[in-house]
Amino acid sequence: MPKIHCVGILVVDLLSGPIKQYPVPRVQTQITTEWIRMMPGGGAANTPSALAHMGLTVGSFSMVGDDFNGEFIRQELKRTGVDTSGICVSAKDSTPFTFVGIHSDGDRTFIHTPGANTKFTLSDLDLEHVLACEFLLYHDLWCLPAFDGKPAATLLSEARRRGVVTFLDKGFGYGPQRESLEAMLPHCDYVMPSFDDL
């Protein structure tokens, strides 16, 4: 069975809806919704969870805070069969969090707190551990400002040197940024950009 490792962001997503409008200070300070759901999100959660449900061997590599949300993410991923031994825990930064407003027409809006995503970089990883795989997926380009670009290119280049198949998937975070993308492209076997950013 091939082993797949996913590097990217981890976020606690709190979904609530339907939202007809957002509150306005001193006008309408509160709104109500019909439902709420809390779940792990981000590329280092969504893809590994889906692959684990398919019975594949998969590990997640990211950073969370030493807090309730970080523990929640790790436990949920373990429950789905994802190897979480590559997830770093920061004592200084909070676990990334996103409030996802689900609107009446199904559209979504986001209020995001990046937390540990802004600090996570190549030096946080055990290189031998993360590259002990057949497939390496780098998720969430433009959401990891300390990792994107040259540090990520170093990781992907070394992966390919060892015969690991590399994938690049982007997020909308702080992008699009052409310089970081171009630094990483030569080291990717497969790239999955959005239509707009491409």
Protein backbone atom coordinates (compact mmCIF):
# COMPACT_ATOMS: atom_id res chain seq x y z
CA MET A 1 0.00 0.00 0.00
CA PRO A 2 1.57 3.35 -0.99
CA LYS A 3 2.02 5.92 1.74
CA ILE A 4 0.75 9.48 1.19
CA HIS A 5 1.90 12.48 3.23
CA CYS A 6 0.06 15.81 3.22
CA VAL A 7 1.72 19.09 4.23
CA GLY A 8 -0.55 22.10 4.71
CA ILE A 9 -2.74 24.02 7.10
CA LEU A 10 -4.96 22.70 9.86
CA VAL A 11 -7.95 24.78 10.91
CA VAL A 12 -10.94 24.31 13.17
CA ASP A 13 -13.93 25.22 11.02
CA LEU A 14 -17.07 26.35 12.80
CA LEU A 15 -19.93 26.30 10.28
CA SER A 16 -23.24 28.00 11.00
CA GLY A 17 -26.28 28.88 8.93
CA PRO A 18 -28.32 29.87 7.21
CA ILE A 19 -27.13 33.47 7.53
CA LYS A 20 -29.40 36.08 5.96
CA GLN A 21 -27.16 39.01 6.92
CA TYR A 22 -24.26 39.73 9.24
CA PRO A 23 -24.74 41.73 12.47
CA VAL A 24 -24.22 45.50 12.32
CA PRO A 25 -22.90 47.28 15.45
CA ARG A 26 -25.55 49.38 17.24
CA VAL A 27 -28.10 48.52 14.49
CA GLN A 28 -28.62 44.77 14.67
CA THR A 29 -26.00 43.35 17.01
CA GLN A 30 -27.17 39.74 16.93
CA ILE A 31 -28.56 37.33 14.39
CA THR A 32 -29.69 33.73 14.88
CA THR A 33 -28.99 30.62 12.81
CA GLU A 34 -30.64 27.21 12.71
CA TRP A 35 -27.58 24.98 13.06
CA ILE A 36 -23.89 24.84 13.91
CA ARG A 37 -21.15 22.27 13.24
CA MET A 38 -17.48 22.07 14.26
CA MET A 39 -14.99 20.12 12.16
CA PRO A 40 -11.31 19.97 11.14
CA GLY A 41 -10.49 21.88 7.94
CA GLY A 42 -7.56 22.87 5.77
CA GLY A 43 -5.60 20.81 3.26
CA ALA A 44 -3.77 18.82 5.93
CA ALA A 45 -7.14 17.67 7.30
CA ASN A 46 -9.55 17.42 4.37
CA THR A 47 -7.43 15.38 1.95
CA PRO A 48 -5.93 13.00 4.56
CA SER A 49 -9.40 12.34 6.00
CA ALA A 50 -10.83 11.55 2.56
CA LEU A 51 -7.89 9.28 1.71
CA ALA A 52 -8.11 7.49 5.07
CA HIS A 53 -11.82 6.85 4.48
CA MET A 54 -10.79 5.18 1.21
CA GLY A 55 -8.50 2.86 3.16
CA LEU A 56 -5.21 4.48 2.11
CA THR A 57 -2.21 5.02 4.40
CA VAL A 58 -1.91 8.76 4.97
CA GLY A 59 -0.19 11.19 7.34
CA SER A 60 -0.76 14.86 8.12
CA PHE A 61 2.08 17.38 8.61
CA SER A 62 1.18 20.81 9.98
CA MET A 63 1.14 22.92 13.14
CA VAL A 64 -1.56 23.57 15.73
CA GLY A 65 -1.61 25.38 19.04
CA ASP A 66 -1.37 23.76 22.46
CA ASP A 67 -5.07 24.36 23.08
CA PHE A 68 -8.50 22.73 22.95
CA ASN A 69 -8.87 23.29 19.20
CA GLY A 70 -5.50 21.70 18.45
CA GLU A 71 -6.38 18.63 20.51
CA PHE A 72 -9.78 18.45 18.80
CA ILE A 73 -8.17 18.39 15.34
CA ARG A 74 -5.64 15.72 16.27
CA GLN A 75 -8.25 13.48 17.86
CA GLU A 76 -10.66 13.82 14.93
CA LEU A 77 -7.93 12.97 12.42
CA LYS A 78 -6.82 9.96 14.48
CA ARG A 79 -10.43 8.79 14.61
CA THR A 80 -10.57 8.73 10.81
CA GLY A 81 -7.31 6.76 10.58
CA VAL A 82 -4.87 9.58 9.75
CA ASP A 83 -1.33 9.38 11.18
CA THR A 84 -0.95 12.59 13.22
CA SER A 85 2.64 12.04 14.41
CA GLY A 86 3.82 14.75 11.98
CA ILE A 87 1.63 17.48 13.49
CA CYS A 88 3.68 20.01 15.50
CA VAL A 89 2.24 21.70 18.59
CA SER A 90 3.13 25.33 19.26
CA ALA A 91 3.12 26.62 22.82
CA LYS A 92 3.10 30.22 21.54
CA ASP A 93 0.48 30.27 18.77
CA SER A 94 -3.21 29.47 18.69
CA THR A 95 -4.72 26.77 16.52
CA PRO A 96 -6.02 28.34 13.29
CA PHE A 97 -9.77 28.97 13.34
CA THR A 98 -12.37 29.90 10.73
CA PHE A 99 -15.99 30.89 11.21
CA VAL A 100 -17.78 29.75 8.05
CA GLY A 101 -21.07 31.52 7.41
CA ILE A 102 -23.39 29.42 5.27
CA HIS A 103 -25.79 31.73 3.47
CA SER A 104 -29.35 31.00 2.39
CA ASP A 105 -28.27 30.46 -1.24
CA GLY A 106 -25.51 28.05 -0.19
CA ASP A 107 -22.69 30.55 -0.67
CA ARG A 108 -20.04 30.78 2.07
CA THR A 109 -18.13 33.62 3.74
CA PHE A 110 -15.21 33.29 6.15
CA ILE A 111 -13.82 35.01 9.24
CA HIS A 112 -10.33 33.55 9.70
CA THR A 113 -7.70 33.62 12.46
CA PRO A 114 -4.49 32.15 10.94
CA GLY A 115 -2.67 31.48 14.24
CA ALA A 116 0.07 28.85 13.86
CA ASN A 117 -0.25 28.87 10.06
CA THR A 118 1.87 32.03 9.94
CA LYS A 119 4.80 30.33 11.76
CA PHE A 120 4.86 26.78 10.35
CA THR A 121 7.87 26.15 8.09
CA LEU A 122 10.33 23.54 6.85
CA SER A 123 12.46 23.63 10.03
CA ASP A 124 9.47 22.37 12.04
CA LEU A 125 9.48 19.07 10.12
CA ASP A 126 11.54 15.94 10.53
CA LEU A 127 12.69 15.61 6.92
CA GLU A 128 13.18 11.84 7.10
CA HIS A 129 9.69 11.42 8.50
CA VAL A 130 7.85 13.62 6.03
CA LEU A 131 9.67 12.13 3.04
CA ALA A 132 9.11 8.50 4.07
CA CYS A 133 6.30 8.18 1.51
CA GLU A 134 5.56 7.50 -2.13
CA PHE A 135 3.39 10.60 -2.66
CA LEU A 136 3.85 14.07 -1.11
CA LEU A 137 1.04 16.62 -1.35
CA TYR A 138 1.85 20.26 -0.53
CA HIS A 139 -1.49 21.90 0.18
CA ASP A 140 -2.61 25.46 0.74
CA LEU A 141 -0.01 27.41 -1.20
CA TRP A 142 -0.34 31.09 -0.15
CA CYS A 143 -1.70 30.15 3.29
CA LEU A 144 1.71 29.30 4.82
CA PRO A 145 3.74 32.52 4.48
CA ALA A 146 6.82 31.18 6.31
CA PHE A 147 6.86 27.94 4.28
CA ASP A 148 5.75 28.90 0.75
CA GLY A 149 8.38 29.65 -1.87
CA LYS A 150 12.01 28.64 -1.24
CA PRO A 151 11.47 26.48 1.90
CA ALA A 152 8.70 24.53 0.15
CA ALA A 153 10.81 24.29 -3.02
CA THR A 154 13.59 22.74 -0.92
CA LEU A 155 11.18 20.13 0.45
CA LEU A 156 9.68 19.30 -2.94
CA SER A 157 13.09 19.15 -4.63
CA GLU A 158 14.42 16.70 -2.05
CA ALA A 159 11.25 14.63 -2.35
CA ARG A 160 11.69 14.28 -6.11
CA ARG A 161 15.38 13.48 -5.68
CA ARG A 162 14.28 10.52 -3.54
CA GLY A 163 11.72 9.37 -6.09
CA VAL A 164 8.64 10.72 -4.27
CA VAL A 165 5.83 11.94 -6.55
CA THR A 166 4.97 15.56 -5.67
CA PHE A 167 1.70 17.47 -5.87
CA LEU A 168 0.98 21.17 -5.34
CA ASP A 169 -2.47 22.43 -4.38
CA LYS A 170 -3.22 26.07 -3.67
CA GLY A 171 -5.46 27.98 -1.33
CA PHE A 172 -6.70 31.57 -1.51
CA GLY A 173 -4.99 32.78 1.70
CA TYR A 174 -2.46 35.50 0.91
CA GLY A 175 -2.23 34.84 -2.84
CA PRO A 176 -1.87 34.82 -5.64
CA GLN A 177 1.88 35.40 -5.43
CA ARG A 178 3.73 34.58 -8.60
CA GLU A 179 7.23 34.49 -7.07
CA SER A 180 6.51 31.71 -4.56
CA LEU A 181 4.59 29.68 -7.15
CA GLU A 182 7.42 29.91 -9.69
CA ALA A 183 9.98 28.84 -7.08
CA MET A 184 8.00 25.66 -6.40
CA LEU A 185 6.74 24.72 -9.89
CA PRO A 186 9.96 23.07 -11.17
CA HIS A 187 9.77 20.56 -8.30
CA CYS A 188 6.15 19.45 -8.79
CA ASP A 189 4.96 16.48 -10.77
CA TYR A 190 1.34 17.66 -10.57
CA VAL A 191 -0.14 21.11 -9.91
CA MET A 192 -3.81 21.80 -9.10
CA PRO A 193 -4.47 25.54 -9.40
CA SER A 194 -7.83 27.24 -9.43
CA PHE A 195 -9.06 28.51 -12.78
CA ASP A 196 -8.97 32.13 -11.60
CA ASP A 197 -5.44 32.03 -10.23
CA LEU A 198 -4.10 30.15 -13.22
